[in-house]
């Protein structure tokens, strides 16, 4: 199953009517506007519209409107004839021509230059275009999908987006919610990305229930893209087959908040007392794992062992930790 199909068919998107909408519009040739914040899966949805369309074997070409310089975008989209400009030594087909019978995705359409917007509008209205420097019209045979992570209504008010182009693009619209508004999707997506990594790298890693609980409680401002990157980091930096919550400490969790609180509570303590308290607290967080504690503290394992011997360290209270973990797992598995 592709990422596009998974993101669409198995999760909370169907509660936003996107499930039915994609089926209804996938085989039409009408222009589609896909709206959503960065990382919400717009690219996957565009790919799915193409896959489920009437010509899935035809070209699928995505163009990032923000990455092509203003002076080059017309040639990139429509092509050019030899001699059209100084460096145009040969005739070149543009993306619209290359996508013959397939799909063109105009990613981040809100970033397109206002002058280029006027030219695109004429192409959409007339269903034909000209190569730069050309005199013969070429029929537009590709389906157009545009994406945006901004409110185009505001862009129209600001004068950075043409209202007439907006209405030409906004024939069929799909709005993708943020991942934080799709809490039931988080664990499923994490599991999907993890299985992809296992298949690609032939190394098994298992997330404990606490890890899934942690992922579901976290805020994902970068949406699906951020979650995928986080799962990838967990996978490649994990040392054991079973990844538990204490594996997150040091490598993945930010100690800054803890440190600031620690300093406030340690105002009347000596430097040695502060160091001892900090090291022992870290040992508790990693459940007595000296290797993980040394990495978190950014000291050598030899130094840590020396310090623990100095403190007459007897180990963590394992029964207390087991009880705390059991409570967390119970809470994580408890239905809402």
C-alpha atoms as a PDB file:
ATOM      1  CA  UNK A   1       0.000   0.000   0.000  1.00  0.00           C
ATOM      2  CA  UNK A   2       1.373   3.395  -0.947  1.00  0.00           C
ATOM      3  CA  UNK A   3       1.684   6.241   1.557  1.00  0.00           C
ATOM      4  CA  UNK A   4      -0.909   8.178  -0.431  1.00  0.00           C
ATOM      5  CA  UNK A   5      -3.440   5.345  -0.307  1.00  0.00           C
ATOM      6  CA  UNK A   6      -2.792   4.697   3.384  1.00  0.00           C
ATOM      7  CA  UNK A   7      -3.174   8.341   4.412  1.00  0.00           C
ATOM      8  CA  UNK A   8      -6.460   8.498   2.558  1.00  0.00           C
ATOM      9  CA  UNK A   9      -8.243   5.212   3.068  1.00  0.00           C
ATOM     10  CA  UNK A  10      -7.663   4.158   6.659  1.00  0.00           C
ATOM     11  CA  UNK A  11      -7.773   7.256   8.824  1.00  0.00           C
ATOM     12  CA  UNK A  12      -9.836  10.138  10.090  1.00  0.00           C
ATOM     13  CA  UNK A  13      -9.767  11.943   6.757  1.00  0.00           C
ATOM     14  CA  UNK A  14     -12.924  10.045   5.836  1.00  0.00           C
ATOM     15  CA  UNK A  15     -14.772  11.922   8.596  1.00  0.00           C
ATOM     16  CA  UNK A  16     -13.971  15.152   6.726  1.00  0.00           C
ATOM     17  CA  UNK A  17     -15.745  13.830   3.577  1.00  0.00           C
ATOM     18  CA  UNK A  18     -12.386  13.626   1.781  1.00  0.00           C
ATOM     19  CA  UNK A  19     -12.815   9.853   1.550  1.00  0.00           C
ATOM     20  CA  UNK A  20     -15.863  10.190  -0.713  1.00  0.00           C
ATOM     21  CA  UNK A  21     -14.713  13.368  -2.433  1.00  0.00           C
ATOM     22  CA  UNK A  22     -11.576  11.765  -3.880  1.00  0.00           C
ATOM     23  CA  UNK A  23     -13.599   8.913  -5.343  1.00  0.00           C
ATOM     24  CA  UNK A  24     -16.099  11.362  -6.798  1.00  0.00           C
ATOM     25  CA  UNK A  25     -13.600  13.689  -8.463  1.00  0.00           C
ATOM     26  CA  UNK A  26     -10.625  11.471  -9.300  1.00  0.00           C
ATOM     27  CA  UNK A  27     -11.782  10.641 -12.842  1.00  0.00           C
ATOM     28  CA  UNK A  28     -12.969  14.140 -13.788  1.00  0.00           C
ATOM     29  CA  UNK A  29     -10.730  16.542 -15.680  1.00  0.00           C
ATOM     30  CA  UNK A  30     -11.823  19.538 -13.586  1.00  0.00           C
ATOM     31  CA  UNK A  31      -9.170  21.563 -11.784  1.00  0.00           C
ATOM     32  CA  UNK A  32      -8.684  20.660  -8.108  1.00  0.00           C
ATOM     33  CA  UNK A  33      -7.406  22.934  -5.331  1.00  0.00           C
ATOM     34  CA  UNK A  34      -5.817  21.080  -2.388  1.00  0.00           C
ATOM     35  CA  UNK A  35      -5.568  23.246   0.732  1.00  0.00           C
ATOM     36  CA  UNK A  36      -3.681  22.452   3.928  1.00  0.00           C
ATOM     37  CA  UNK A  37      -0.820  23.524   6.153  1.00  0.00           C
ATOM     38  CA  UNK A  38       2.715  22.310   5.465  1.00  0.00           C
ATOM     39  CA  UNK A  39       3.140  18.593   6.105  1.00  0.00           C
ATOM     40  CA  UNK A  40      -0.571  17.661   6.070  1.00  0.00           C
ATOM     41  CA  UNK A  41      -0.217  15.293   3.112  1.00  0.00           C
ATOM     42  CA  UNK A  42      -1.114  17.458   0.117  1.00  0.00           C
ATOM     43  CA  UNK A  43       1.463  15.729  -2.097  1.00  0.00           C
ATOM     44  CA  UNK A  44       0.123  12.294  -1.164  1.00  0.00           C
ATOM     45  CA  UNK A  45      -3.427  13.370  -1.986  1.00  0.00           C
ATOM     46  CA  UNK A  46      -2.330  14.747  -5.366  1.00  0.00           C
ATOM     47  CA  UNK A  47      -0.613  11.452  -6.166  1.00  0.00           C
ATOM     48  CA  UNK A  48      -3.716   9.556  -5.148  1.00  0.00           C
ATOM     49  CA  UNK A  49      -5.960  11.679  -7.389  1.00  0.00           C
ATOM     50  CA  UNK A  50      -3.647  10.788 -10.263  1.00  0.00           C
ATOM     51  CA  UNK A  51      -3.497   7.076  -9.343  1.00  0.00           C
ATOM     52  CA  UNK A  52      -7.275   6.795  -9.100  1.00  0.00           C
ATOM     53  CA  UNK A  53      -7.871   8.902 -12.217  1.00  0.00           C
ATOM     54  CA  UNK A  54      -8.633   7.734 -15.745  1.00  0.00           C
ATOM     55  CA  UNK A  55      -4.963   7.867 -16.849  1.00  0.00           C
ATOM     56  CA  UNK A  56      -2.783   6.588 -13.978  1.00  0.00           C
ATOM     57  CA  UNK A  57      -0.084   5.404 -16.407  1.00  0.00           C
ATOM     58  CA  UNK A  58       0.314   8.844 -17.945  1.00  0.00           C
ATOM     59  CA  UNK A  59       2.921  11.345 -16.634  1.00  0.00           C
ATOM     60  CA  UNK A  60       2.579  12.880 -13.179  1.00  0.00           C
ATOM     61  CA  UNK A  61       4.593  16.102 -12.987  1.00  0.00           C
ATOM     62  CA  UNK A  62       4.817  18.284  -9.872  1.00  0.00           C
ATOM     63  CA  UNK A  63       6.194  21.817 -10.064  1.00  0.00           C
ATOM     64  CA  UNK A  64       7.105  23.825  -6.969  1.00  0.00           C
ATOM     65  CA  UNK A  65       6.111  27.387  -7.853  1.00  0.00           C
ATOM     66  CA  UNK A  66       8.328  28.845  -5.131  1.00  0.00           C
ATOM     67  CA  UNK A  67      11.534  27.175  -6.316  1.00  0.00           C
ATOM     68  CA  UNK A  68      11.605  28.381  -9.941  1.00  0.00           C
ATOM     69  CA  UNK A  69      12.908  31.914 -10.600  1.00  0.00           C
ATOM     70  CA  UNK A  70      10.351  34.355 -11.997  1.00  0.00           C
ATOM     71  CA  UNK A  71      12.270  34.766 -15.264  1.00  0.00           C
ATOM     72  CA  UNK A  72      12.373  30.993 -15.901  1.00  0.00           C
ATOM     73  CA  UNK A  73       8.936  29.771 -14.882  1.00  0.00           C
ATOM     74  CA  UNK A  74       7.181  30.520 -18.204  1.00  0.00           C
ATOM     75  CA  UNK A  75       9.771  28.506 -20.109  1.00  0.00           C
ATOM     76  CA  UNK A  76       9.615  25.757 -17.462  1.00  0.00           C
ATOM     77  CA  UNK A  77       5.835  25.437 -17.790  1.00  0.00           C
ATOM     78  CA  UNK A  78       5.251  26.073 -21.487  1.00  0.00           C
ATOM     79  CA  UNK A  79       8.637  25.382 -23.096  1.00  0.00           C
ATOM     80  CA  UNK A  80      10.454  27.574 -25.609  1.00  0.00           C
ATOM     81  CA  UNK A  81      11.497  27.722 -29.228  1.00  0.00           C
ATOM     82  CA  UNK A  82      15.105  27.949 -30.325  1.00  0.00           C
ATOM     83  CA  UNK A  83      16.207  31.566 -30.219  1.00  0.00           C
ATOM     84  CA  UNK A  84      13.409  32.652 -27.863  1.00  0.00           C
ATOM     85  CA  UNK A  85      16.066  34.149 -25.577  1.00  0.00           C
ATOM     86  CA  UNK A  86      19.850  34.357 -25.408  1.00  0.00           C
ATOM     87  CA  UNK A  87      20.582  30.842 -24.128  1.00  0.00           C
ATOM     88  CA  UNK A  88      17.742  29.089 -25.990  1.00  0.00           C
ATOM     89  CA  UNK A  89      19.816  27.235 -28.577  1.00  0.00           C
ATOM     90  CA  UNK A  90      17.305  24.403 -28.986  1.00  0.00           C
ATOM     91  CA  UNK A  91      13.531  23.994 -28.873  1.00  0.00           C
ATOM     92  CA  UNK A  92      12.467  22.650 -25.500  1.00  0.00           C
ATOM     93  CA  UNK A  93       9.153  21.154 -24.393  1.00  0.00           C
ATOM     94  CA  UNK A  94       7.695  22.505 -21.158  1.00  0.00           C
ATOM     95  CA  UNK A  95       6.058  20.598 -18.300  1.00  0.00           C
ATOM     96  CA  UNK A  96       2.546  21.220 -19.624  1.00  0.00           C
ATOM     97  CA  UNK A  97       3.478  19.560 -22.905  1.00  0.00           C
ATOM     98  CA  UNK A  98       5.411  16.718 -21.287  1.00  0.00           C
ATOM     99  CA  UNK A  99       2.436  15.877 -19.073  1.00  0.00           C
ATOM    100  CA  UNK A 100       0.318  15.087 -22.134  1.00  0.00           C
ATOM    101  CA  UNK A 101      -2.698  13.100 -20.936  1.00  0.00           C
ATOM    102  CA  UNK A 102      -1.475  13.055 -17.342  1.00  0.00           C
ATOM    103  CA  UNK A 103      -1.449  15.360 -14.331  1.00  0.00           C
ATOM    104  CA  UNK A 104       0.287  18.667 -13.604  1.00  0.00           C
ATOM    105  CA  UNK A 105       0.570  19.673  -9.929  1.00  0.00           C
ATOM    106  CA  UNK A 106       1.266  23.350  -9.260  1.00  0.00           C
ATOM    107  CA  UNK A 107       2.603  23.135  -5.730  1.00  0.00           C
ATOM    108  CA  UNK A 108       2.481  26.294  -3.591  1.00  0.00           C
ATOM    109  CA  UNK A 109       0.470  28.134  -6.238  1.00  0.00           C
ATOM    110  CA  UNK A 110       0.267  31.074  -3.831  1.00  0.00           C
ATOM    111  CA  UNK A 111       3.980  31.716  -4.507  1.00  0.00           C
ATOM    112  CA  UNK A 112       3.500  32.184  -8.248  1.00  0.00           C
ATOM    113  CA  UNK A 113       4.346  35.651  -9.586  1.00  0.00           C
ATOM    114  CA  UNK A 114       1.269  37.809 -10.291  1.00  0.00           C
ATOM    115  CA  UNK A 115       2.258  38.259 -13.980  1.00  0.00           C
ATOM    116  CA  UNK A 116       2.623  34.524 -14.434  1.00  0.00           C
ATOM    117  CA  UNK A 117      -0.786  34.067 -12.808  1.00  0.00           C
ATOM    118  CA  UNK A 118      -2.351  36.051 -15.668  1.00  0.00           C
ATOM    119  CA  UNK A 119      -0.707  33.775 -18.250  1.00  0.00           C
ATOM    120  CA  UNK A 120      -1.790  30.660 -16.387  1.00  0.00           C
ATOM    121  CA  UNK A 121      -5.358  31.983 -16.261  1.00  0.00           C
ATOM    122  CA  UNK A 122      -5.453  32.343 -20.045  1.00  0.00           C
ATOM    123  CA  UNK A 123      -4.155  28.795 -20.462  1.00  0.00           C
ATOM    124  CA  UNK A 124      -6.825  27.396 -18.155  1.00  0.00           C
ATOM    125  CA  UNK A 125      -9.579  29.369 -19.898  1.00  0.00           C
ATOM    126  CA  UNK A 126      -8.533  28.530 -23.463  1.00  0.00           C
ATOM    127  CA  UNK A 127      -7.090  25.050 -22.789  1.00  0.00           C
ATOM    128  CA  UNK A 128      -4.108  25.903 -24.968  1.00  0.00           C
ATOM    129  CA  UNK A 129      -0.695  27.528 -24.623  1.00  0.00           C
ATOM    130  CA  UNK A 130       2.272  28.705 -26.648  1.00  0.00           C
ATOM    131  CA  UNK A 131       5.923  27.905 -26.202  1.00  0.00           C
ATOM    132  CA  UNK A 132       7.966  30.980 -25.384  1.00  0.00           C
ATOM    133  CA  UNK A 133       8.800  32.524 -28.765  1.00  0.00           C
ATOM    134  CA  UNK A 134       6.349  30.232 -30.530  1.00  0.00           C
ATOM    135  CA  UNK A 135       3.437  31.062 -32.835  1.00  0.00           C
ATOM    136  CA  UNK A 136       1.560  27.750 -32.908  1.00  0.00           C
ATOM    137  CA  UNK A 137      -0.852  26.900 -30.111  1.00  0.00           C
ATOM    138  CA  UNK A 138      -0.527  23.595 -28.231  1.00  0.00           C
ATOM    139  CA  UNK A 139      -3.602  21.987 -26.691  1.00  0.00           C
ATOM    140  CA  UNK A 140      -3.569  21.519 -22.928  1.00  0.00           C
ATOM    141  CA  UNK A 141      -4.209  17.800 -22.465  1.00  0.00           C
ATOM    142  CA  UNK A 142      -3.207  17.510 -18.797  1.00  0.00           C
ATOM    143  CA  UNK A 143      -5.291  17.777 -15.659  1.00  0.00           C
ATOM    144  CA  UNK A 144      -4.323  20.641 -13.341  1.00  0.00           C
ATOM    145  CA  UNK A 145      -4.116  20.276  -9.557  1.00  0.00           C
ATOM    146  CA  UNK A 146      -2.970  23.238  -7.455  1.00  0.00           C
ATOM    147  CA  UNK A 147      -1.916  23.189  -3.809  1.00  0.00           C
ATOM    148  CA  UNK A 148      -1.556  25.942  -1.245  1.00  0.00           C
ATOM    149  CA  UNK A 149      -0.668  26.209   2.429  1.00  0.00           C
ATOM    150  CA  UNK A 150      -2.051  29.737   2.690  1.00  0.00           C
ATOM    151  CA  UNK A 151      -5.484  31.339   2.720  1.00  0.00           C
ATOM    152  CA  UNK A 152      -5.854  32.502  -0.880  1.00  0.00           C
ATOM    153  CA  UNK A 153      -8.705  34.765   0.193  1.00  0.00           C
ATOM    154  CA  UNK A 154      -6.207  36.771   2.245  1.00  0.00           C
ATOM    155  CA  UNK A 155      -3.727  36.725  -0.640  1.00  0.00           C
ATOM    156  CA  UNK A 156      -6.420  38.211  -2.883  1.00  0.00           C
ATOM    157  CA  UNK A 157      -7.054  40.984  -0.357  1.00  0.00           C
ATOM    158  CA  UNK A 158      -3.305  41.654  -0.166  1.00  0.00           C
ATOM    159  CA  UNK A 159      -3.071  41.886  -3.934  1.00  0.00           C
ATOM    160  CA  UNK A 160      -0.676  38.952  -4.285  1.00  0.00           C
ATOM    161  CA  UNK A 161      -3.139  36.547  -5.920  1.00  0.00           C
ATOM    162  CA  UNK A 162      -5.599  37.076  -8.750  1.00  0.00           C
ATOM    163  CA  UNK A 163      -9.240  36.613  -7.808  1.00  0.00           C
ATOM    164  CA  UNK A 164     -10.197  35.394 -11.289  1.00  0.00           C
ATOM    165  CA  UNK A 165      -7.466  32.713 -11.170  1.00  0.00           C
ATOM    166  CA  UNK A 166      -8.658  31.655  -7.727  1.00  0.00           C
ATOM    167  CA  UNK A 167     -12.168  30.965  -9.033  1.00  0.00           C
ATOM    168  CA  UNK A 168     -10.744  29.123 -12.031  1.00  0.00           C
ATOM    169  CA  UNK A 169      -8.702  26.868  -9.703  1.00  0.00           C
ATOM    170  CA  UNK A 170     -11.275  26.497  -6.931  1.00  0.00           C
ATOM    171  CA  UNK A 171     -13.703  24.365  -8.934  1.00  0.00           C
ATOM    172  CA  UNK A 172     -13.169  21.323  -6.724  1.00  0.00           C
ATOM    173  CA  UNK A 173     -11.532  21.769  -3.318  1.00  0.00           C
ATOM    174  CA  UNK A 174     -10.024  19.348  -0.810  1.00  0.00           C
ATOM    175  CA  UNK A 175      -9.118  20.754   2.622  1.00  0.00           C
ATOM    176  CA  UNK A 176      -6.711  18.702   4.716  1.00  0.00           C
ATOM    177  CA  UNK A 177      -6.815  19.044   8.524  1.00  0.00           C
ATOM    178  CA  UNK A 178      -3.724  19.350  10.717  1.00  0.00           C
ATOM    179  CA  UNK A 179      -2.422  16.146  12.288  1.00  0.00           C
ATOM    180  CA  UNK A 180      -3.171  17.540  15.761  1.00  0.00           C
ATOM    181  CA  UNK A 181      -6.840  17.581  14.724  1.00  0.00           C
ATOM    182  CA  UNK A 182      -6.618  13.908  13.723  1.00  0.00           C
ATOM    183  CA  UNK A 183      -5.423  12.274  16.992  1.00  0.00           C
ATOM    184  CA  UNK A 184      -6.509   8.756  16.025  1.00  0.00           C
ATOM    185  CA  UNK A 185      -4.248   8.925  12.982  1.00  0.00           C
ATOM    186  CA  UNK A 186      -1.002   9.472  14.871  1.00  0.00           C
ATOM    187  CA  UNK A 187      -0.338   5.935  16.110  1.00  0.00           C
ATOM    188  CA  UNK A 188      -1.489   4.408  12.804  1.00  0.00           C
ATOM    189  CA  UNK A 189       0.759   6.686  10.763  1.00  0.00           C
ATOM    190  CA  UNK A 190       3.708   6.089  13.103  1.00  0.00           C
ATOM    191  CA  UNK A 191       3.236   2.338  12.746  1.00  0.00           C
ATOM    192  CA  UNK A 192       2.998   2.665   8.966  1.00  0.00           C
ATOM    193  CA  UNK A 193       6.216   4.689   8.727  1.00  0.00           C
ATOM    194  CA  UNK A 194       7.977   2.284  11.102  1.00  0.00           C
ATOM    195  CA  UNK A 195       6.992  -0.721   8.976  1.00  0.00           C
ATOM    196  CA  UNK A 196       8.241   1.067   5.865  1.00  0.00           C
ATOM    197  CA  UNK A 197      11.628   1.544   7.530  1.00  0.00           C
ATOM    198  CA  UNK A 198      11.745  -2.095   8.630  1.00  0.00           C
ATOM    199  CA  UNK A 199      11.056  -3.290   5.072  1.00  0.00           C
ATOM    200  CA  UNK A 200      13.623  -0.913   3.557  1.00  0.00           C
ATOM    201  CA  UNK A 201      16.421  -1.598   6.069  1.00  0.00           C
ATOM    202  CA  UNK A 202      15.707  -5.197   7.108  1.00  0.00           C
ATOM    203  CA  UNK A 203      16.100  -4.389  10.796  1.00  0.00           C
ATOM    204  CA  UNK A 204      13.212  -4.894  13.186  1.00  0.00           C
ATOM    205  CA  UNK A 205      12.335  -2.255  15.781  1.00  0.00           C
ATOM    206  CA  UNK A 206       9.259  -2.432  18.007  1.00  0.00           C
ATOM    207  CA  UNK A 207       7.676   0.576  19.727  1.00  0.00           C
ATOM    208  CA  UNK A 208       6.396  -0.032  23.246  1.00  0.00           C
ATOM    209  CA  UNK A 209       2.841   1.128  24.123  1.00  0.00           C
ATOM    210  CA  UNK A 210       4.431   4.038  26.011  1.00  0.00           C
ATOM    211  CA  UNK A 211       6.090   5.269  22.826  1.00  0.00           C
ATOM    212  CA  UNK A 212       2.761   5.321  20.994  1.00  0.00           C
ATOM    213  CA  UNK A 213       1.203   7.100  23.960  1.00  0.00           C
ATOM    214  CA  UNK A 214       4.004   9.674  23.913  1.00  0.00           C
ATOM    215  CA  UNK A 215       3.564  10.259  20.158  1.00  0.00           C
ATOM    216  CA  UNK A 216      -0.194  10.709  20.564  1.00  0.00           C
ATOM    217  CA  UNK A 217       0.243  13.239  23.376  1.00  0.00           C
ATOM    218  CA  UNK A 218       2.844  15.313  21.530  1.00  0.00           C
ATOM    219  CA  UNK A 219       1.954  18.353  19.406  1.00  0.00           C
ATOM    220  CA  UNK A 220       2.968  18.007  15.759  1.00  0.00           C
ATOM    221  CA  UNK A 221       3.300  21.525  14.387  1.00  0.00           C
ATOM    222  CA  UNK A 222       4.988  20.101  11.268  1.00  0.00           C
ATOM    223  CA  UNK A 223       2.137  17.613  10.827  1.00  0.00           C
ATOM    224  CA  UNK A 224       2.692  14.267   9.050  1.00  0.00           C
ATOM    225  CA  UNK A 225       6.105  15.281   7.750  1.00  0.00           C
ATOM    226  CA  UNK A 226       7.361  15.990  11.273  1.00  0.00           C
ATOM    227  CA  UNK A 227       5.943  12.709  12.588  1.00  0.00           C
ATOM    228  CA  UNK A 228       7.600  10.740   9.779  1.00  0.00           C
ATOM    229  CA  UNK A 229      10.963  12.416  10.440  1.00  0.00           C
ATOM    230  CA  UNK A 230      10.651  11.732  14.178  1.00  0.00           C
ATOM    231  CA  UNK A 231       9.850   8.049  13.634  1.00  0.00           C
ATOM    232  CA  UNK A 232      12.812   7.812  11.244  1.00  0.00           C
ATOM    233  CA  UNK A 233      15.106   9.324  13.881  1.00  0.00           C
ATOM    234  CA  UNK A 234      13.819   6.899  16.519  1.00  0.00           C
ATOM    235  CA  UNK A 235      14.401   3.965  14.192  1.00  0.00           C
ATOM    236  CA  UNK A 236      17.976   4.749  13.195  1.00  0.00           C
ATOM    237  CA  UNK A 237      19.170   5.845  16.635  1.00  0.00           C
ATOM    238  CA  UNK A 238      17.596   2.948  18.520  1.00  0.00           C
ATOM    239  CA  UNK A 239      20.040   0.389  19.877  1.00  0.00           C
ATOM    240  CA  UNK A 240      17.623  -2.301  20.991  1.00  0.00           C
ATOM    241  CA  UNK A 241      14.818  -4.074  19.147  1.00  0.00           C
ATOM    242  CA  UNK A 242      12.260  -2.880  21.692  1.00  0.00           C
ATOM    243  CA  UNK A 243      12.170   0.906  22.003  1.00  0.00           C
ATOM    244  CA  UNK A 244      10.821   2.064  25.383  1.00  0.00           C
ATOM    245  CA  UNK A 245      10.089   5.475  26.814  1.00  0.00           C
ATOM    246  CA  UNK A 246      13.431   5.809  28.614  1.00  0.00           C
ATOM    247  CA  UNK A 247      15.199   5.507  25.254  1.00  0.00           C
ATOM    248  CA  UNK A 248      13.767   8.927  24.441  1.00  0.00           C
ATOM    249  CA  UNK A 249      15.551  10.683  27.269  1.00  0.00           C
ATOM    250  CA  UNK A 250      18.713  12.473  26.255  1.00  0.00           C
ATOM    251  CA  UNK A 251      18.607  11.627  22.560  1.00  0.00           C
ATOM    252  CA  UNK A 252      15.110  12.916  21.838  1.00  0.00           C
ATOM    253  CA  UNK A 253      13.713  14.917  24.732  1.00  0.00           C
ATOM    254  CA  UNK A 254      14.745  18.457  25.516  1.00  0.00           C
ATOM    255  CA  UNK A 255      16.467  18.785  28.896  1.00  0.00           C
ATOM    256  CA  UNK A 256      16.398  22.589  28.856  1.00  0.00           C
ATOM    257  CA  UNK A 257      13.089  22.796  30.703  1.00  0.00           C
ATOM    258  CA  UNK A 258      14.265  20.344  33.346  1.00  0.00           C
ATOM    259  CA  UNK A 259      17.590  22.126  33.744  1.00  0.00           C
ATOM    260  CA  UNK A 260      15.994  25.538  34.278  1.00  0.00           C
ATOM    261  CA  UNK A 261      13.701  24.116  36.961  1.00  0.00           C
ATOM    262  CA  UNK A 262      16.641  22.292  38.504  1.00  0.00           C
ATOM    263  CA  UNK A 263      18.753  25.458  38.789  1.00  0.00           C
ATOM    264  CA  UNK A 264      15.906  27.310  40.484  1.00  0.00           C
ATOM    265  CA  UNK A 265      15.526  24.557  43.071  1.00  0.00           C
ATOM    266  CA  UNK A 266      19.288  24.349  43.586  1.00  0.00           C
ATOM    267  CA  UNK A 267      20.058  27.950  44.474  1.00  0.00           C
ATOM    268  CA  UNK A 268      21.180  27.110  48.024  1.00  0.00           C
ATOM    269  CA  UNK A 269      23.142  23.994  47.114  1.00  0.00           C
ATOM    270  CA  UNK A 270      26.884  23.580  46.586  1.00  0.00           C
ATOM    271  CA  UNK A 271      28.239  22.732  43.143  1.00  0.00           C
ATOM    272  CA  UNK A 272      28.965  19.149  44.205  1.00  0.00           C
ATOM    273  CA  UNK A 273      25.441  18.762  45.584  1.00  0.00           C
ATOM    274  CA  UNK A 274      23.918  20.096  42.362  1.00  0.00           C
ATOM    275  CA  UNK A 275      26.022  17.741  40.269  1.00  0.00           C
ATOM    276  CA  UNK A 276      25.060  14.745  42.433  1.00  0.00           C
ATOM    277  CA  UNK A 277      21.363  15.572  42.295  1.00  0.00           C
ATOM    278  CA  UNK A 278      21.431  16.049  38.536  1.00  0.00           C
ATOM    279  CA  UNK A 279      23.295  12.783  37.862  1.00  0.00           C
ATOM    280  CA  UNK A 280      21.047  10.743  40.170  1.00  0.00           C
ATOM    281  CA  UNK A 281      17.923  12.248  38.633  1.00  0.00           C
ATOM    282  CA  UNK A 282      19.187  11.347  35.166  1.00  0.00           C
ATOM    283  CA  UNK A 283      19.847   7.770  36.328  1.00  0.00           C
ATOM    284  CA  UNK A 284      16.232   7.606  37.466  1.00  0.00           C
ATOM    285  CA  UNK A 285      14.964   8.897  34.097  1.00  0.00           C
ATOM    286  CA  UNK A 286      16.852   6.209  32.162  1.00  0.00           C
ATOM    287  CA  UNK A 287      15.912   3.495  34.689  1.00  0.00           C
ATOM    288  CA  UNK A 288      19.509   2.863  35.754  1.00  0.00           C
ATOM    289  CA  UNK A 289      20.929   2.388  32.251  1.00  0.00           C
ATOM    290  CA  UNK A 290      24.463   3.783  32.641  1.00  0.00           C
ATOM    291  CA  UNK A 291      25.186   3.974  28.904  1.00  0.00           C
ATOM    292  CA  UNK A 292      22.089   6.070  28.238  1.00  0.00           C
ATOM    293  CA  UNK A 293      22.765   8.241  31.265  1.00  0.00           C
ATOM    294  CA  UNK A 294      26.334   8.938  30.136  1.00  0.00           C
ATOM    295  CA  UNK A 295      25.096   9.975  26.685  1.00  0.00           C
ATOM    296  CA  UNK A 296      22.432  12.214  28.205  1.00  0.00           C
ATOM    297  CA  UNK A 297      24.918  13.828  30.586  1.00  0.00           C
ATOM    298  CA  UNK A 298      27.542  14.099  27.813  1.00  0.00           C
ATOM    299  CA  UNK A 299      30.231  12.466  29.948  1.00  0.00           C
ATOM    300  CA  UNK A 300      32.191   9.252  29.504  1.00  0.00           C
ATOM    301  CA  UNK A 301      30.917   5.995  30.942  1.00  0.00           C
ATOM    302  CA  UNK A 302      34.101   5.761  33.023  1.00  0.00           C
ATOM    303  CA  UNK A 303      33.432   9.186  34.577  1.00  0.00           C
ATOM    304  CA  UNK A 304      29.834   8.273  35.333  1.00  0.00           C
ATOM    305  CA  UNK A 305      30.828   5.039  37.060  1.00  0.00           C
ATOM    306  CA  UNK A 306      33.366   6.932  39.141  1.00  0.00           C
ATOM    307  CA  UNK A 307      30.731   9.471  40.202  1.00  0.00           C
ATOM    308  CA  UNK A 308      28.176   6.782  41.085  1.00  0.00           C
ATOM    309  CA  UNK A 309      30.787   4.967  43.208  1.00  0.00           C
ATOM    310  CA  UNK A 310      31.525   8.246  44.956  1.00  0.00           C
ATOM    311  CA  UNK A 311      27.798   8.692  45.663  1.00  0.00           C
ATOM    312  CA  UNK A 312      27.518   5.088  46.928  1.00  0.00           C
ATOM    313  CA  UNK A 313      24.845   4.590  44.286  1.00  0.00           C
ATOM    314  CA  UNK A 314      22.683   1.518  44.995  1.00  0.00           C
ATOM    315  CA  UNK A 315      20.590   1.561  41.818  1.00  0.00           C
ATOM    316  CA  UNK A 316      17.109   2.797  41.007  1.00  0.00           C
ATOM    317  CA  UNK A 317      13.937   1.720  42.754  1.00  0.00           C
ATOM    318  CA  UNK A 318      12.861  -0.773  40.100  1.00  0.00           C
ATOM    319  CA  UNK A 319       9.571  -1.651  41.771  1.00  0.00           C
ATOM    320  CA  UNK A 320       8.538   2.015  41.729  1.00  0.00           C
ATOM    321  CA  UNK A 321       9.511   2.392  38.064  1.00  0.00           C
ATOM    322  CA  UNK A 322       7.636  -0.786  37.098  1.00  0.00           C
ATOM    323  CA  UNK A 323       4.531   0.529  38.858  1.00  0.00           C
ATOM    324  CA  UNK A 324       4.832   3.904  37.118  1.00  0.00           C
ATOM    325  CA  UNK A 325       5.277   2.251  33.725  1.00  0.00           C
ATOM    326  CA  UNK A 326       2.294  -0.034  34.321  1.00  0.00           C
ATOM    327  CA  UNK A 327       0.129   2.983  35.111  1.00  0.00           C
ATOM    328  CA  UNK A 328       1.282   4.746  31.921  1.00  0.00           C
ATOM    329  CA  UNK A 329       0.637   1.685  29.756  1.00  0.00           C
ATOM    330  CA  UNK A 330      -2.821   1.222  31.294  1.00  0.00           C
ATOM    331  CA  UNK A 331      -3.619   4.867  30.597  1.00  0.00           C
ATOM    332  CA  UNK A 332      -2.304   4.618  27.038  1.00  0.00           C
ATOM    333  CA  UNK A 333      -4.417   1.566  26.241  1.00  0.00           C
ATOM    334  CA  UNK A 334      -7.538   2.808  28.007  1.00  0.00           C
ATOM    335  CA  UNK A 335     -10.257   3.757  25.437  1.00  0.00           C
ATOM    336  CA  UNK A 336     -11.202   7.446  25.325  1.00  0.00           C
END
